[in-house]
Amino acid sequence: MAMPRPTAAQLAYGSCTVFLSTLAMLLLSQTSSGVGIAIIAVAALALGLLVAMTVPLPKRRPAAVEQPAPEEPVRASVPAPAPEPVRERAVS
């Protein structure tokens, strides 16, 4: 089973998260050691990955199924028979 490719939204959100979180953590911690910078970089990458994986994926639409037209009541297309003239019976 092939792994799905990331969407453009996932790449954008993940990259922005890595960049901004790295910048914020470096400015807030004011670290200058290599170990501190490495820890911040790994934490920013993990946070970016987490954000990228939680971006909602586009929903796949099911194939369009043709809906049958609603049934209308059947109407008689044959005209009603014409009334016959009344015949009088002879009284016997």
Protein backbone atom coordinates (compact mmCIF):
# COMPACT_ATOMS: atom_id res chain seq x y z
CA MET A 1 0.00 0.00 0.00
CA ALA A 2 1.52 3.30 -1.09
CA MET A 3 1.78 6.15 1.36
CA PRO A 4 -0.33 9.17 0.38
CA ARG A 5 1.52 12.30 -0.70
CA PRO A 6 1.25 15.42 1.46
CA THR A 7 -1.03 18.15 0.21
CA ALA A 8 0.07 21.73 -0.41
CA ALA A 9 -1.71 22.83 2.76
CA GLN A 10 0.17 20.26 4.84
CA LEU A 11 3.52 21.37 3.42
CA ALA A 12 2.74 25.05 3.96
CA TYR A 13 1.47 24.68 7.53
CA GLY A 14 4.31 22.36 8.51
CA SER A 15 7.02 24.59 7.03
CA CYS A 16 5.62 27.75 8.60
CA THR A 17 5.36 26.01 11.95
CA VAL A 18 8.97 24.83 11.83
CA PHE A 19 10.28 28.26 10.86
CA LEU A 20 8.22 30.31 13.30
CA SER A 21 8.59 27.95 16.24
CA THR A 22 12.37 27.74 15.74
CA LEU A 23 12.62 31.53 15.62
CA ALA A 24 10.41 31.98 18.67
CA MET A 25 12.21 29.34 20.77
CA LEU A 26 15.66 30.71 19.85
CA LEU A 27 14.63 34.26 20.74
CA LEU A 28 12.93 33.26 23.99
CA SER A 29 15.65 30.90 25.22
CA GLN A 30 18.55 33.16 24.17
CA THR A 31 20.74 30.06 23.87
CA SER A 32 24.04 30.18 22.05
CA SER A 33 25.30 26.64 22.64
CA GLY A 34 25.24 24.05 19.88
CA VAL A 35 23.38 21.53 22.02
CA GLY A 36 20.63 24.05 22.86
CA ILE A 37 20.18 25.00 19.21
CA ALA A 38 20.06 21.32 18.20
CA ILE A 39 17.36 20.59 20.82
CA ILE A 40 15.32 23.57 19.63
CA ALA A 41 15.68 22.50 15.99
CA VAL A 42 14.54 18.93 16.75
CA ALA A 43 11.60 20.22 18.82
CA ALA A 44 10.58 22.60 15.99
CA LEU A 45 10.73 19.78 13.43
CA ALA A 46 8.61 17.55 15.64
CA LEU A 47 6.07 20.34 16.12
CA GLY A 48 5.98 21.03 12.37
CA LEU A 49 5.40 17.36 11.64
CA LEU A 50 2.60 17.22 14.19
CA VAL A 51 0.90 20.28 12.68
CA ALA A 52 1.28 18.95 9.12
CA MET A 53 -0.26 15.61 10.03
CA THR A 54 -3.26 17.15 11.78
CA VAL A 55 -4.28 19.36 8.84
CA PRO A 56 -7.59 17.91 7.60
CA LEU A 57 -7.27 16.00 4.36
CA PRO A 58 -9.67 16.76 1.52
CA LYS A 59 -12.61 14.38 1.54
CA ARG A 60 -13.00 12.15 -1.44
CA ARG A 61 -16.31 12.48 -3.16
CA PRO A 62 -18.08 9.26 -4.02
CA ALA A 63 -18.77 8.65 -7.67
CA ALA A 64 -21.87 10.46 -8.81
CA VAL A 65 -24.83 8.13 -8.71
CA GLU A 66 -27.66 9.02 -11.01
CA GLN A 67 -30.83 9.47 -9.01
CA PRO A 68 -34.01 8.20 -10.65
CA ALA A 69 -36.58 10.86 -11.37
CA PRO A 70 -39.40 11.00 -8.83
CA GLU A 71 -42.39 9.08 -10.02
CA GLU A 72 -45.45 11.09 -10.89
CA PRO A 73 -48.95 9.69 -10.54
CA VAL A 74 -50.12 7.88 -13.66
CA ARG A 75 -52.78 9.80 -15.49
CA ALA A 76 -55.21 8.25 -17.89
CA SER A 77 -54.37 9.20 -21.44
CA VAL A 78 -57.47 7.58 -22.93
CA PRO A 79 -60.44 9.94 -23.02
CA ALA A 80 -63.56 8.83 -21.20
CA PRO A 81 -66.18 7.25 -23.49
CA ALA A 82 -68.90 9.56 -24.74
CA PRO A 83 -72.23 9.02 -23.01
CA GLU A 84 -74.67 6.92 -25.02
CA PRO A 85 -78.13 8.23 -25.66
CA VAL A 86 -80.75 6.88 -23.28
CA ARG A 87 -83.02 4.28 -24.88
CA GLU A 88 -86.45 3.90 -23.58
CA ARG A 89 -87.80 0.44 -23.02
CA ALA A 90 -91.11 -0.54 -24.29
CA VAL A 91 -93.50 -1.45 -21.52
CA SER A 92 -95.11 -4.83 -22.14
